[in-house]
Amino acid sequence: AVDTDLNKAAMLIEAPLVFQFIEHTFCAYFTFEVIIRFLAYKEKKHCLGDAWFVFDSVLVLMMIIETWIFGVILGLLGNTGSARPGS
């Protein structure tokens, strides 16, 4: 709710550094958690049978795409997201 209330930037790369830091920290933490959970399986194929692991992995993948991949792509394209929805 704090991010929604105080961060007026349309894109993460335009947000104040505190919001960028928190977003990257959450993304790194949850990525680390999924990796540790994956490594805990003796037989790695069994992770696909754990619905919660698959669900969490999909959420983390979407977070990685939104936080890190889109940031790199938009940075390379030079798009700063100046056209905000509703403006």
Protein backbone atom coordinates (compact mmCIF):
# COMPACT_ATOMS: atom_id res chain seq x y z
CA ALA A 1 0.00 0.00 0.00
CA VAL A 2 2.91 2.35 0.67
CA ASP A 3 4.21 1.86 -2.85
CA THR A 4 0.77 2.48 -4.32
CA ASP A 5 0.22 5.61 -2.21
CA LEU A 6 3.65 7.25 -2.45
CA ASN A 7 5.25 6.04 -5.69
CA LYS A 8 3.83 8.09 -8.56
CA ALA A 9 6.26 6.73 -11.19
CA ALA A 10 4.78 4.69 -14.03
CA MET A 11 7.91 2.54 -14.41
CA LEU A 12 10.27 1.07 -11.82
CA ILE A 13 13.28 2.74 -13.44
CA GLU A 14 11.64 6.14 -12.86
CA ALA A 15 10.73 5.44 -9.22
CA PRO A 16 12.67 6.90 -6.30
CA LEU A 17 15.65 4.77 -5.28
CA VAL A 18 14.00 3.52 -2.09
CA PHE A 19 11.19 1.91 -4.11
CA GLN A 20 13.65 0.42 -6.59
CA PHE A 21 15.77 -1.00 -3.78
CA ILE A 22 12.79 -2.59 -2.05
CA GLU A 23 11.45 -4.06 -5.32
CA HIS A 24 14.83 -5.59 -6.21
CA THR A 25 15.28 -6.88 -2.65
CA PHE A 26 11.91 -8.64 -2.68
CA CYS A 27 12.63 -10.12 -6.10
CA ALA A 28 16.06 -11.39 -5.02
CA TYR A 29 14.70 -12.82 -1.75
CA PHE A 30 11.85 -14.75 -3.38
CA THR A 31 14.13 -15.98 -6.18
CA PHE A 32 16.59 -17.23 -3.55
CA GLU A 33 13.75 -18.94 -1.68
CA VAL A 34 12.53 -20.83 -4.77
CA ILE A 35 16.09 -21.88 -5.63
CA ILE A 36 16.66 -23.22 -2.09
CA ARG A 37 13.34 -25.08 -2.20
CA PHE A 38 14.28 -26.57 -5.59
CA LEU A 39 17.68 -27.68 -4.31
CA ALA A 40 16.00 -29.39 -1.32
CA TYR A 41 14.44 -32.01 -3.58
CA LYS A 42 16.54 -35.17 -3.79
CA GLU A 43 15.02 -35.93 -7.18
CA LYS A 44 14.49 -32.61 -8.94
CA LYS A 45 11.60 -33.92 -11.05
CA HIS A 46 9.47 -34.25 -7.91
CA CYS A 47 9.22 -30.47 -7.66
CA LEU A 48 6.79 -30.56 -10.59
CA GLY A 49 4.41 -32.68 -8.53
CA ASP A 50 4.29 -30.10 -5.73
CA ALA A 51 1.49 -27.71 -6.69
CA TRP A 52 2.59 -25.04 -4.19
CA PHE A 53 6.15 -25.12 -5.53
CA VAL A 54 4.92 -24.78 -9.11
CA PHE A 55 2.57 -21.94 -8.11
CA ASP A 56 5.32 -20.09 -6.21
CA SER A 57 7.76 -20.64 -9.08
CA VAL A 58 5.33 -19.11 -11.58
CA LEU A 59 4.80 -16.09 -9.31
CA VAL A 60 8.55 -15.61 -8.91
CA LEU A 61 9.08 -15.99 -12.66
CA MET A 62 6.51 -13.26 -13.32
CA MET A 63 8.19 -11.05 -10.70
CA ILE A 64 11.60 -11.60 -12.34
CA ILE A 65 10.18 -10.73 -15.76
CA GLU A 66 8.50 -7.58 -14.44
CA THR A 67 11.38 -6.38 -12.26
CA TRP A 68 14.54 -7.40 -14.08
CA ILE A 69 13.77 -8.41 -17.67
CA PHE A 70 11.37 -5.56 -18.53
CA GLY A 71 13.76 -3.11 -16.88
CA VAL A 72 16.62 -4.22 -19.10
CA ILE A 73 14.48 -4.24 -22.24
CA LEU A 74 13.05 -0.78 -21.58
CA GLY A 75 16.50 0.51 -20.71
CA LEU A 76 17.90 -0.79 -24.00
CA LEU A 77 15.00 0.65 -25.98
CA GLY A 78 15.31 3.99 -24.24
CA ASN A 79 11.64 3.96 -23.22
CA THR A 80 11.21 5.78 -19.94
CA GLY A 81 7.47 5.23 -19.79
CA SER A 82 6.63 8.95 -19.96
CA ALA A 83 3.16 8.19 -21.33
CA ARG A 84 1.28 7.28 -18.18
CA PRO A 85 -2.11 5.60 -18.32
CA GLY A 86 -4.90 8.01 -17.55
CA SER A 87 -2.91 11.16 -18.27
